């Protein structure tokens, strides 16, 4: 099983090297979440790069994690620096927050 960070990194590499259009045109080739956190990131990413979910993923459009998923790097910064969660929330990409995932940047491989 791949970790959340590994999954995000893999998808970010796809965006960086294959482009957003690849993800938008070929969801069946990369959409393979193993848990709800990965599902939420995948849905946010697809909607981010495409503007909407493709028909094959519409059944998930009301999906939302029960709690905000904060990346481990952000958690470390919140716990070890004066930066607070609000700092990152202000920089978050809104479409990911729809699925309760904190993302401030897409395409920068983790």
PDB file of N, CA and C in Angstrom:
ATOM      1  N   UNK A   1       0.850  -1.188   0.000  1.00  0.00           N
ATOM      2  CA  UNK A   1       0.000   0.000   0.000  1.00  0.00           C
ATOM      3  C   UNK A   1       0.891   1.244   0.000  1.00  0.00           C
ATOM      4  N   UNK A   2       0.579   2.162  -0.865  1.00  0.00           N
ATOM      5  CA  UNK A   2       1.341   3.399  -0.977  1.00  0.00           C
ATOM      6  C   UNK A   2       0.845   4.411   0.068  1.00  0.00           C
ATOM      7  N   UNK A   3       1.755   5.179   0.630  1.00  0.00           N
ATOM      8  CA  UNK A   3       1.371   6.183   1.617  1.00  0.00           C
ATOM      9  C   UNK A   3       0.657   7.346   0.926  1.00  0.00           C
ATOM     10  N   UNK A   4      -0.013   8.154   1.715  1.00  0.00           N
ATOM     11  CA  UNK A   4      -0.680   9.336   1.177  1.00  0.00           C
ATOM     12  C   UNK A   4       0.340  10.245   0.494  1.00  0.00           C
ATOM     13  N   UNK A   5       1.453  10.487   1.156  1.00  0.00           N
ATOM     14  CA  UNK A   5       2.493  11.349   0.586  1.00  0.00           C
ATOM     15  C   UNK A   5       3.034  10.768  -0.711  1.00  0.00           C
ATOM     16  N   UNK A   6       3.242   9.465  -0.753  1.00  0.00           N
ATOM     17  CA  UNK A   6       3.712   8.817  -1.966  1.00  0.00           C
ATOM     18  C   UNK A   6       2.700   8.927  -3.094  1.00  0.00           C
ATOM     19  N   UNK A   7       1.430   8.774  -2.758  1.00  0.00           N
ATOM     20  CA  UNK A   7       0.361   8.878  -3.758  1.00  0.00           C
ATOM     21  C   UNK A   7       0.290  10.289  -4.338  1.00  0.00           C
ATOM     22  N   UNK A   8       0.331  11.282  -3.449  1.00  0.00           N
ATOM     23  CA  UNK A   8       0.310  12.681  -3.883  1.00  0.00           C
ATOM     24  C   UNK A   8       1.517  12.968  -4.764  1.00  0.00           C
ATOM     25  N   UNK A   9       2.671  12.472  -4.356  1.00  0.00           N
ATOM     26  CA  UNK A   9       3.893  12.682  -5.132  1.00  0.00           C
ATOM     27  C   UNK A   9       3.757  12.073  -6.528  1.00  0.00           C
ATOM     28  N   UNK A  10       3.216  10.861  -6.580  1.00  0.00           N
ATOM     29  CA  UNK A  10       3.031  10.183  -7.865  1.00  0.00           C
ATOM     30  C   UNK A  10       2.117  10.992  -8.786  1.00  0.00           C
ATOM     31  N   UNK A  11       1.010  11.484  -8.245  1.00  0.00           N
ATOM     32  CA  UNK A  11       0.092  12.272  -9.066  1.00  0.00           C
ATOM     33  C   UNK A  11       0.705  13.613  -9.454  1.00  0.00           C
ATOM     34  N   UNK A  12       1.454  14.223  -8.538  1.00  0.00           N
ATOM     35  CA  UNK A  12       2.113  15.488  -8.864  1.00  0.00           C
ATOM     36  C   UNK A  12       3.149  15.294  -9.974  1.00  0.00           C
ATOM     37  N   UNK A  13       3.847  14.167  -9.947  1.00  0.00           N
ATOM     38  CA  UNK A  13       4.785  13.870 -11.027  1.00  0.00           C
ATOM     39  C   UNK A  13       4.044  13.736 -12.361  1.00  0.00           C
ATOM     40  N   UNK A  14       2.883  13.101 -12.333  1.00  0.00           N
ATOM     41  CA  UNK A  14       2.092  12.989 -13.563  1.00  0.00           C
ATOM     42  C   UNK A  14       1.719  14.363 -14.104  1.00  0.00           C
ATOM     43  N   UNK A  15       1.292  15.257 -13.216  1.00  0.00           N
ATOM     44  CA  UNK A  15       0.947  16.606 -13.635  1.00  0.00           C
ATOM     45  C   UNK A  15       2.174  17.302 -14.212  1.00  0.00           C
ATOM     46  N   UNK A  16       3.297  17.162 -13.523  1.00  0.00           N
ATOM     47  CA  UNK A  16       4.515  17.852 -13.940  1.00  0.00           C
ATOM     48  C   UNK A  16       5.053  17.330 -15.266  1.00  0.00           C
ATOM     49  N   UNK A  17       5.085  16.019 -15.441  1.00  0.00           N
ATOM     50  CA  UNK A  17       5.742  15.447 -16.610  1.00  0.00           C
ATOM     51  C   UNK A  17       4.811  15.073 -17.762  1.00  0.00           C
ATOM     52  N   UNK A  18       3.556  14.751 -17.454  1.00  0.00           N
ATOM     53  CA  UNK A  18       2.613  14.386 -18.521  1.00  0.00           C
ATOM     54  C   UNK A  18       1.639  15.527 -18.808  1.00  0.00           C
ATOM     55  N   UNK A  19       1.480  16.415 -17.834  1.00  0.00           N
ATOM     56  CA  UNK A  19       0.583  17.552 -18.005  1.00  0.00           C
ATOM     57  C   UNK A  19      -0.807  17.295 -17.476  1.00  0.00           C
ATOM     58  N   UNK A  20      -1.486  18.378 -17.172  1.00  0.00           N
ATOM     59  CA  UNK A  20      -2.839  18.294 -16.630  1.00  0.00           C
ATOM     60  C   UNK A  20      -3.803  17.658 -17.626  1.00  0.00           C
ATOM     61  N   UNK A  21      -3.566  17.894 -18.902  1.00  0.00           N
ATOM     62  CA  UNK A  21      -4.449  17.306 -19.914  1.00  0.00           C
ATOM     63  C   UNK A  21      -4.425  15.777 -19.878  1.00  0.00           C
ATOM     64  N   UNK A  22      -3.282  15.204 -19.588  1.00  0.00           N
ATOM     65  CA  UNK A  22      -3.189  13.745 -19.489  1.00  0.00           C
ATOM     66  C   UNK A  22      -4.140  13.243 -18.411  1.00  0.00           C
ATOM     67  N   UNK A  23      -4.098  13.883 -17.235  1.00  0.00           N
ATOM     68  CA  UNK A  23      -4.986  13.464 -16.161  1.00  0.00           C
ATOM     69  C   UNK A  23      -6.442  13.649 -16.552  1.00  0.00           C
ATOM     70  N   UNK A  24      -6.726  14.765 -17.193  1.00  0.00           N
ATOM     71  CA  UNK A  24      -8.106  15.058 -17.577  1.00  0.00           C
ATOM     72  C   UNK A  24      -8.628  14.078 -18.619  1.00  0.00           C
ATOM     73  N   UNK A  25      -7.768  13.651 -19.540  1.00  0.00           N
ATOM     74  CA  UNK A  25      -8.202  12.787 -20.638  1.00  0.00           C
ATOM     75  C   UNK A  25      -8.128  11.297 -20.319  1.00  0.00           C
ATOM     76  N   UNK A  26      -7.337  10.910 -19.324  1.00  0.00           N
ATOM     77  CA  UNK A  26      -7.128   9.489 -19.040  1.00  0.00           C
ATOM     78  C   UNK A  26      -7.301   9.129 -17.560  1.00  0.00           C
ATOM     79  N   UNK A  27      -8.445   9.451 -16.952  1.00  0.00           N
ATOM     80  CA  UNK A  27      -8.593   9.154 -15.523  1.00  0.00           C
ATOM     81  C   UNK A  27      -8.482   7.667 -15.199  1.00  0.00           C
ATOM     82  N   UNK A  28      -8.872   6.802 -16.112  1.00  0.00           N
ATOM     83  CA  UNK A  28      -8.806   5.364 -15.869  1.00  0.00           C
ATOM     84  C   UNK A  28      -7.390   4.832 -15.732  1.00  0.00           C
ATOM     85  N   UNK A  29      -6.413   5.555 -16.250  1.00  0.00           N
ATOM     86  CA  UNK A  29      -5.019   5.099 -16.187  1.00  0.00           C
ATOM     87  C   UNK A  29      -4.337   5.435 -14.872  1.00  0.00           C
ATOM     88  N   UNK A  30      -4.835   6.455 -14.147  1.00  0.00           N
ATOM     89  CA  UNK A  30      -4.149   6.857 -12.917  1.00  0.00           C
ATOM     90  C   UNK A  30      -5.056   6.871 -11.696  1.00  0.00           C
ATOM     91  N   UNK A  31      -6.372   6.850 -11.881  1.00  0.00           N
ATOM     92  CA  UNK A  31      -7.300   6.956 -10.758  1.00  0.00           C
ATOM     93  C   UNK A  31      -7.413   5.608 -10.055  1.00  0.00           C
ATOM     94  N   UNK A  32      -6.544   5.413  -9.042  1.00  0.00           N
ATOM     95  CA  UNK A  32      -6.518   4.146  -8.318  1.00  0.00           C
ATOM     96  C   UNK A  32      -6.307   4.368  -6.817  1.00  0.00           C
ATOM     97  N   UNK A  33      -7.164   5.168  -6.192  1.00  0.00           N
ATOM     98  CA  UNK A  33      -6.981   5.422  -4.762  1.00  0.00           C
ATOM     99  C   UNK A  33      -7.205   4.158  -3.935  1.00  0.00           C
ATOM    100  N   UNK A  34      -6.395   4.019  -2.882  1.00  0.00           N
ATOM    101  CA  UNK A  34      -6.486   2.852  -2.000  1.00  0.00           C
ATOM    102  C   UNK A  34      -7.231   3.153  -0.706  1.00  0.00           C
ATOM    103  N   UNK A  35      -7.505   4.435  -0.442  1.00  0.00           N
ATOM    104  CA  UNK A  35      -8.222   4.801   0.779  1.00  0.00           C
ATOM    105  C   UNK A  35      -8.918   6.146   0.569  1.00  0.00           C
ATOM    106  N   UNK A  36      -9.685   6.579   1.553  1.00  0.00           N
ATOM    107  CA  UNK A  36     -10.470   7.805   1.415  1.00  0.00           C
ATOM    108  C   UNK A  36      -9.610   9.057   1.247  1.00  0.00           C
ATOM    109  N   UNK A  37      -8.455   9.113   1.910  1.00  0.00           N
ATOM    110  CA  UNK A  37      -7.586  10.284   1.772  1.00  0.00           C
ATOM    111  C   UNK A  37      -7.064  10.404   0.345  1.00  0.00           C
ATOM    112  N   UNK A  38      -6.667   9.294  -0.231  1.00  0.00           N
ATOM    113  CA  UNK A  38      -6.200   9.303  -1.614  1.00  0.00           C
ATOM    114  C   UNK A  38      -7.350   9.628  -2.568  1.00  0.00           C
ATOM    115  N   UNK A  39      -8.545   9.109  -2.267  1.00  0.00           N
ATOM    116  CA  UNK A  39      -9.715   9.407  -3.078  1.00  0.00           C
ATOM    117  C   UNK A  39      -9.987  10.910  -3.064  1.00  0.00           C
ATOM    118  N   UNK A  40      -9.966  11.515  -1.890  1.00  0.00           N
ATOM    119  CA  UNK A  40     -10.242  12.945  -1.774  1.00  0.00           C
ATOM    120  C   UNK A  40      -9.215  13.764  -2.561  1.00  0.00           C
ATOM    121  N   UNK A  41      -7.940  13.413  -2.462  1.00  0.00           N
ATOM    122  CA  UNK A  41      -6.912  14.129  -3.221  1.00  0.00           C
ATOM    123  C   UNK A  41      -7.136  13.949  -4.726  1.00  0.00           C
ATOM    124  N   UNK A  42      -7.434  12.734  -5.141  1.00  0.00           N
ATOM    125  CA  UNK A  42      -7.667  12.444  -6.557  1.00  0.00           C
ATOM    126  C   UNK A  42      -8.825  13.257  -7.114  1.00  0.00           C
ATOM    127  N   UNK A  43      -9.919  13.322  -6.369  1.00  0.00           N
ATOM    128  CA  UNK A  43     -11.084  14.073  -6.821  1.00  0.00           C
ATOM    129  C   UNK A  43     -10.769  15.560  -6.925  1.00  0.00           C
ATOM    130  N   UNK A  44     -10.087  16.076  -5.904  1.00  0.00           N
ATOM    131  CA  UNK A  44      -9.700  17.487  -5.945  1.00  0.00           C
ATOM    132  C   UNK A  44      -8.785  17.776  -7.113  1.00  0.00           C
ATOM    133  N   UNK A  45      -7.834  16.894  -7.352  1.00  0.00           N
ATOM    134  CA  UNK A  45      -6.892  17.087  -8.451  1.00  0.00           C
ATOM    135  C   UNK A  45      -7.614  17.044  -9.798  1.00  0.00           C
ATOM    136  N   UNK A  46      -8.495  16.083  -9.969  1.00  0.00           N
ATOM    137  CA  UNK A  46      -9.216  15.974 -11.235  1.00  0.00           C
ATOM    138  C   UNK A  46     -10.060  17.220 -11.473  1.00  0.00           C
ATOM    139  N   UNK A  47     -10.740  17.666 -10.456  1.00  0.00           N
ATOM    140  CA  UNK A  47     -11.570  18.855 -10.618  1.00  0.00           C
ATOM    141  C   UNK A  47     -10.701  20.099 -10.833  1.00  0.00           C
ATOM    142  N   UNK A  48      -9.546  20.129 -10.210  1.00  0.00           N
ATOM    143  CA  UNK A  48      -8.612  21.251 -10.362  1.00  0.00           C
ATOM    144  C   UNK A  48      -8.081  21.336 -11.797  1.00  0.00           C
ATOM    145  N   UNK A  49      -7.665  20.220 -12.361  1.00  0.00           N
ATOM    146  CA  UNK A  49      -7.055  20.250 -13.690  1.00  0.00           C
ATOM    147  C   UNK A  49      -8.093  20.281 -14.815  1.00  0.00           C
ATOM    148  N   UNK A  50      -9.291  19.815 -14.512  1.00  0.00           N
ATOM    149  CA  UNK A  50     -10.304  19.671 -15.559  1.00  0.00           C
ATOM    150  C   UNK A  50     -11.426  20.696 -15.465  1.00  0.00           C
ATOM    151  N   UNK A  51     -11.610  21.265 -14.284  1.00  0.00           N
ATOM    152  CA  UNK A  51     -12.708  22.201 -14.068  1.00  0.00           C
ATOM    153  C   UNK A  51     -13.972  21.542 -13.563  1.00  0.00           C
ATOM    154  N   UNK A  52     -14.039  20.227 -13.709  1.00  0.00           N
ATOM    155  CA  UNK A  52     -15.181  19.445 -13.219  1.00  0.00           C
ATOM    156  C   UNK A  52     -14.782  17.973 -13.209  1.00  0.00           C
ATOM    157  N   UNK A  53     -15.573  17.184 -12.525  1.00  0.00           N
ATOM    158  CA  UNK A  53     -15.308  15.744 -12.528  1.00  0.00           C
ATOM    159  C   UNK A  53     -15.826  15.150 -13.830  1.00  0.00           C
ATOM    160  N   UNK A  54     -15.098  14.186 -14.400  1.00  0.00           N
ATOM    161  CA  UNK A  54     -15.607  13.521 -15.604  1.00  0.00           C
ATOM    162  C   UNK A  54     -16.805  12.641 -15.226  1.00  0.00           C
ATOM    163  N   UNK A  55     -17.623  12.279 -16.187  1.00  0.00           N
ATOM    164  CA  UNK A  55     -18.814  11.466 -15.895  1.00  0.00           C
ATOM    165  C   UNK A  55     -18.523  10.205 -15.079  1.00  0.00           C
ATOM    166  N   UNK A  56     -17.388   9.560 -15.319  1.00  0.00           N
ATOM    167  CA  UNK A  56     -17.081   8.317 -14.604  1.00  0.00           C
ATOM    168  C   UNK A  56     -16.822   8.537 -13.112  1.00  0.00           C
ATOM    169  N   UNK A  57     -16.595   9.778 -12.690  1.00  0.00           N
ATOM    170  CA  UNK A  57     -16.321  10.068 -11.280  1.00  0.00           C
ATOM    171  C   UNK A  57     -17.436  10.884 -10.615  1.00  0.00           C
ATOM    172  N   UNK A  58     -18.498  11.176 -11.340  1.00  0.00           N
ATOM    173  CA  UNK A  58     -19.597  12.000 -10.799  1.00  0.00           C
ATOM    174  C   UNK A  58     -20.210  11.388  -9.542  1.00  0.00           C
ATOM    175  N   UNK A  59     -20.143  10.078  -9.417  1.00  0.00           N
ATOM    176  CA  UNK A  59     -20.743   9.430  -8.240  1.00  0.00           C
ATOM    177  C   UNK A  59     -20.051   9.849  -6.944  1.00  0.00           C
ATOM    178  N   UNK A  60     -18.851  10.441  -7.049  1.00  0.00           N
ATOM    179  CA  UNK A  60     -18.101  10.876  -5.875  1.00  0.00           C
ATOM    180  C   UNK A  60     -18.237  12.365  -5.579  1.00  0.00           C
ATOM    181  N   UNK A  61     -19.011  13.113  -6.356  1.00  0.00           N
ATOM    182  CA  UNK A  61     -18.984  14.561  -6.230  1.00  0.00           C
ATOM    183  C   UNK A  61     -19.438  15.085  -4.867  1.00  0.00           C
ATOM    184  N   UNK A  62     -20.161  14.310  -4.092  1.00  0.00           N
ATOM    185  CA  UNK A  62     -20.544  14.761  -2.752  1.00  0.00           C
ATOM    186  C   UNK A  62     -19.642  14.169  -1.662  1.00  0.00           C
ATOM    187  N   UNK A  63     -18.608  13.446  -2.070  1.00  0.00           N
ATOM    188  CA  UNK A  63     -17.680  12.846  -1.111  1.00  0.00           C
ATOM    189  C   UNK A  63     -16.886  13.937  -0.399  1.00  0.00           C
ATOM    190  N   UNK A  64     -16.649  13.726   0.892  1.00  0.00           N
ATOM    191  CA  UNK A  64     -15.838  14.655   1.675  1.00  0.00           C
ATOM    192  C   UNK A  64     -15.279  13.899   2.875  1.00  0.00           C
ATOM    193  N   UNK A  65     -13.995  14.081   3.140  1.00  0.00           N
ATOM    194  CA  UNK A  65     -13.406  13.457   4.320  1.00  0.00           C
ATOM    195  C   UNK A  65     -14.067  14.020   5.576  1.00  0.00           C
ATOM    196  N   UNK A  66     -14.221  13.220   6.624  1.00  0.00           N
ATOM    197  CA  UNK A  66     -14.865  13.713   7.844  1.00  0.00           C
ATOM    198  C   UNK A  66     -14.025  14.769   8.570  1.00  0.00           C
ATOM    199  N   UNK A  67     -12.700  14.720   8.383  1.00  0.00           N
ATOM    200  CA  UNK A  67     -11.803  15.701   9.012  1.00  0.00           C
ATOM    201  C   UNK A  67     -10.824  16.208   7.968  1.00  0.00           C
ATOM    202  N   UNK A  68     -10.340  17.421   8.172  1.00  0.00           N
ATOM    203  CA  UNK A  68      -9.381  18.017   7.249  1.00  0.00           C
ATOM    204  C   UNK A  68      -8.092  17.200   7.214  1.00  0.00           C
ATOM    205  N   UNK A  69      -7.663  16.836   6.017  1.00  0.00           N
ATOM    206  CA  UNK A  69      -6.391  16.135   5.825  1.00  0.00           C
ATOM    207  C   UNK A  69      -5.306  17.195   5.646  1.00  0.00           C
ATOM    208  N   UNK A  70      -4.398  17.237   6.609  1.00  0.00           N
ATOM    209  CA  UNK A  70      -3.292  18.178   6.580  1.00  0.00           C
ATOM    210  C   UNK A  70      -2.033  17.392   6.252  1.00  0.00           C
ATOM    211  N   UNK A  71      -1.299  17.774   5.200  1.00  0.00           N
ATOM    212  CA  UNK A  71      -0.074  17.050   4.848  1.00  0.00           C
ATOM    213  C   UNK A  71       0.931  17.047   5.997  1.00  0.00           C
ATOM    214  N   UNK A  72       1.708  15.993   6.092  1.00  0.00           N
ATOM    215  CA  UNK A  72       2.658  15.856   7.202  1.00  0.00           C
ATOM    216  C   UNK A  72       3.659  17.008   7.254  1.00  0.00           C
ATOM    217  N   UNK A  73       4.086  17.522   6.104  1.00  0.00           N
ATOM    218  CA  UNK A  73       5.019  18.650   6.093  1.00  0.00           C
ATOM    219  C   UNK A  73       4.411  19.903   6.699  1.00  0.00           C
ATOM    220  N   UNK A  74       3.140  20.124   6.417  1.00  0.00           N
ATOM    221  CA  UNK A  74       2.438  21.273   6.994  1.00  0.00           C
ATOM    222  C   UNK A  74       2.255  21.063   8.495  1.00  0.00           C
ATOM    223  N   UNK A  75       1.893  19.844   8.892  1.00  0.00           N
ATOM    224  CA  UNK A  75       1.758  19.545  10.321  1.00  0.00           C
ATOM    225  C   UNK A  75       3.053  19.831  11.064  1.00  0.00           C
ATOM    226  N   UNK A  76       4.166  19.431  10.479  1.00  0.00           N
ATOM    227  CA  UNK A  76       5.469  19.664  11.114  1.00  0.00           C
ATOM    228  C   UNK A  76       5.738  21.159  11.264  1.00  0.00           C
ATOM    229  N   UNK A  77       5.400  21.924  10.235  1.00  0.00           N
ATOM    230  CA  UNK A  77       5.610  23.369  10.308  1.00  0.00           C
ATOM    231  C   UNK A  77       4.710  24.006  11.358  1.00  0.00           C
ATOM    232  N   UNK A  78       3.482  23.549  11.448  1.00  0.00           N
ATOM    233  CA  UNK A  78       2.541  24.081  12.440  1.00  0.00           C
ATOM    234  C   UNK A  78       3.035  23.777  13.852  1.00  0.00           C
ATOM    235  N   UNK A  79       3.581  22.573  14.037  1.00  0.00           N
ATOM    236  CA  UNK A  79       4.029  22.152  15.365  1.00  0.00           C
ATOM    237  C   UNK A  79       5.379  22.720  15.768  1.00  0.00           C
ATOM    238  N   UNK A  80       6.209  23.107  14.802  1.00  0.00           N
ATOM    239  CA  UNK A  80       7.587  23.493  15.123  1.00  0.00           C
ATOM    240  C   UNK A  80       7.963  24.922  14.745  1.00  0.00           C
ATOM    241  N   UNK A  81       7.013  25.700  14.271  1.00  0.00           N
ATOM    242  CA  UNK A  81       7.285  27.092  13.915  1.00  0.00           C
ATOM    243  C   UNK A  81       6.111  27.947  14.371  1.00  0.00           C
ATOM    244  N   UNK A  82       6.261  29.240  14.286  1.00  0.00           N
ATOM    245  CA  UNK A  82       5.141  30.121  14.668  1.00  0.00           C
ATOM    246  C   UNK A  82       3.966  30.089  13.682  1.00  0.00           C
ATOM    247  N   UNK A  83       4.164  29.465  12.515  1.00  0.00           N
ATOM    248  CA  UNK A  83       3.083  29.415  11.530  1.00  0.00           C
ATOM    249  C   UNK A  83       1.900  28.614  12.080  1.00  0.00           C
ATOM    250  N   UNK A  84       0.727  29.064  11.766  1.00  0.00           N
ATOM    251  CA  UNK A  84      -0.500  28.414  12.224  1.00  0.00           C
ATOM    252  C   UNK A  84      -1.271  27.851  11.030  1.00  0.00           C
ATOM    253  N   UNK A  85      -2.208  26.973  11.324  1.00  0.00           N
ATOM    254  CA  UNK A  85      -3.023  26.355  10.287  1.00  0.00           C
ATOM    255  C   UNK A  85      -3.697  27.414   9.414  1.00  0.00           C
ATOM    256  N   UNK A  86      -4.140  28.505  10.015  1.00  0.00           N
ATOM    257  CA  UNK A  86      -4.817  29.560   9.273  1.00  0.00           C
ATOM    258  C   UNK A  86      -3.945  30.108   8.138  1.00  0.00           C
ATOM    259  N   UNK A  87      -2.623  30.184   8.376  1.00  0.00           N
ATOM    260  CA  UNK A  87      -1.686  30.644   7.360  1.00  0.00           C
ATOM    261  C   UNK A  87      -1.801  29.783   6.105  1.00  0.00           C
ATOM    262  N   UNK A  88      -1.866  28.474   6.286  1.00  0.00           N
ATOM    263  CA  UNK A  88      -1.958  27.546   5.159  1.00  0.00           C
ATOM    264  C   UNK A  88      -3.366  27.513   4.560  1.00  0.00           C
ATOM    265  N   UNK A  89      -4.369  27.666   5.409  1.00  0.00           N
ATOM    266  CA  UNK A  89      -5.747  27.670   4.913  1.00  0.00           C
ATOM    267  C   UNK A  89      -5.982  28.853   3.974  1.00  0.00           C
ATOM    268  N   UNK A  90      -5.367  29.982   4.257  1.00  0.00           N
ATOM    269  CA  UNK A  90      -5.502  31.155   3.393  1.00  0.00           C
ATOM    270  C   UNK A  90      -4.865  30.926   2.027  1.00  0.00           C
ATOM    271  N   UNK A  91      -3.917  30.021   1.945  1.00  0.00           N
ATOM    272  CA  UNK A  91      -3.205  29.729   0.703  1.00  0.00           C
ATOM    273  C   UNK A  91      -3.710  28.449   0.025  1.00  0.00           C
ATOM    274  N   UNK A  92      -4.684  27.816   0.621  1.00  0.00           N
ATOM    275  CA  UNK A  92      -5.199  26.541   0.117  1.00  0.00           C
ATOM    276  C   UNK A  92      -5.961  26.720  -1.191  1.00  0.00           C
ATOM    277  N   UNK A  93      -5.907  25.703  -2.020  1.00  0.00           N
ATOM    278  CA  UNK A  93      -6.670  25.681  -3.271  1.00  0.00           C
ATOM    279  C   UNK A  93      -8.102  25.269  -2.919  1.00  0.00           C
ATOM    280  N   UNK A  94      -9.068  26.168  -3.159  1.00  0.00           N
ATOM    281  CA  UNK A  94     -10.445  25.915  -2.708  1.00  0.00           C
ATOM    282  C   UNK A  94     -11.053  24.590  -3.160  1.00  0.00           C
ATOM    283  N   UNK A  95     -10.788  24.159  -4.370  1.00  0.00           N
ATOM    284  CA  UNK A  95     -11.427  22.940  -4.864  1.00  0.00           C
ATOM    285  C   UNK A  95     -11.007  21.723  -4.038  1.00  0.00           C
ATOM    286  N   UNK A  96      -9.789  21.729  -3.494  1.00  0.00           N
ATOM    287  CA  UNK A  96      -9.361  20.620  -2.638  1.00  0.00           C
ATOM    288  C   UNK A  96     -10.069  20.691  -1.283  1.00  0.00           C
ATOM    289  N   UNK A  97     -10.304  21.908  -0.794  1.00  0.00           N
ATOM    290  CA  UNK A  97     -11.009  22.048   0.483  1.00  0.00           C
ATOM    291  C   UNK A  97     -12.430  21.507   0.396  1.00  0.00           C
ATOM    292  N   UNK A  98     -12.991  21.524  -0.799  1.00  0.00           N
ATOM    293  CA  UNK A  98     -14.324  20.942  -1.007  1.00  0.00           C
ATOM    294  C   UNK A  98     -14.345  19.483  -0.550  1.00  0.00           C
ATOM    295  N   UNK A  99     -13.223  18.782  -0.715  1.00  0.00           N
ATOM    296  CA  UNK A  99     -13.108  17.378  -0.313  1.00  0.00           C
ATOM    297  C   UNK A  99     -12.415  17.230   1.040  1.00  0.00           C
ATOM    298  N   UNK A 100     -12.157  18.367   1.689  1.00  0.00           N
ATOM    299  CA  UNK A 100     -11.540  18.428   3.014  1.00  0.00           C
ATOM    300  C   UNK A 100     -10.066  18.020   3.003  1.00  0.00           C
ATOM    301  N   UNK A 101      -9.358  18.463   1.964  1.00  0.00           N
ATOM    302  CA  UNK A 101      -7.934  18.199   1.826  1.00  0.00           C
ATOM    303  C   UNK A 101      -7.219  19.545   1.694  1.00  0.00           C
ATOM    304  N   UNK A 102      -6.199  19.756   2.501  1.00  0.00           N
ATOM    305  CA  UNK A 102      -5.415  20.986   2.451  1.00  0.00           C
ATOM    306  C   UNK A 102      -4.302  20.827   1.416  1.00  0.00           C
ATOM    307  N   UNK A 103      -4.396  21.586   0.343  1.00  0.00           N
ATOM    308  CA  UNK A 103      -3.397  21.573  -0.729  1.00  0.00           C
ATOM    309  C   UNK A 103      -3.121  23.031  -1.086  1.00  0.00           C
ATOM    310  N   UNK A 104      -1.857  23.415  -1.119  1.00  0.00           N
ATOM    311  CA  UNK A 104      -1.507  24.788  -1.487  1.00  0.00           C
ATOM    312  C   UNK A 104      -0.827  24.879  -2.839  1.00  0.00           C
ATOM    313  N   UNK A 105      -0.423  23.729  -3.393  1.00  0.00           N
ATOM    314  CA  UNK A 105       0.299  23.732  -4.665  1.00  0.00           C
ATOM    315  C   UNK A 105       0.142  22.383  -5.341  1.00  0.00           C
ATOM    316  N   UNK A 106      -0.012  22.401  -6.654  1.00  0.00           N
ATOM    317  CA  UNK A 106      -0.107  21.170  -7.443  1.00  0.00           C
ATOM    318  C   UNK A 106       1.017  21.167  -8.458  1.00  0.00           C
ATOM    319  N   UNK A 107       1.619  20.010  -8.652  1.00  0.00           N
ATOM    320  CA  UNK A 107       2.637  19.865  -9.673  1.00  0.00           C
ATOM    321  C   UNK A 107       4.046  19.938  -9.148  1.00  0.00           C
ATOM    322  N   UNK A 108       4.208  20.369  -7.917  1.00  0.00           N
ATOM    323  CA  UNK A 108       5.539  20.392  -7.304  1.00  0.00           C
ATOM    324  C   UNK A 108       5.735  19.050  -6.626  1.00  0.00           C
ATOM    325  N   UNK A 109       6.514  18.190  -7.248  1.00  0.00           N
ATOM    326  CA  UNK A 109       6.702  16.839  -6.728  1.00  0.00           C
ATOM    327  C   UNK A 109       7.224  16.891  -5.297  1.00  0.00           C
ATOM    328  N   UNK A 110       6.582  16.099  -4.446  1.00  0.00           N
ATOM    329  CA  UNK A 110       6.917  16.074  -3.029  1.00  0.00           C
ATOM    330  C   UNK A 110       8.271  15.431  -2.820  1.00  0.00           C
TER     331      UNK A 110
END
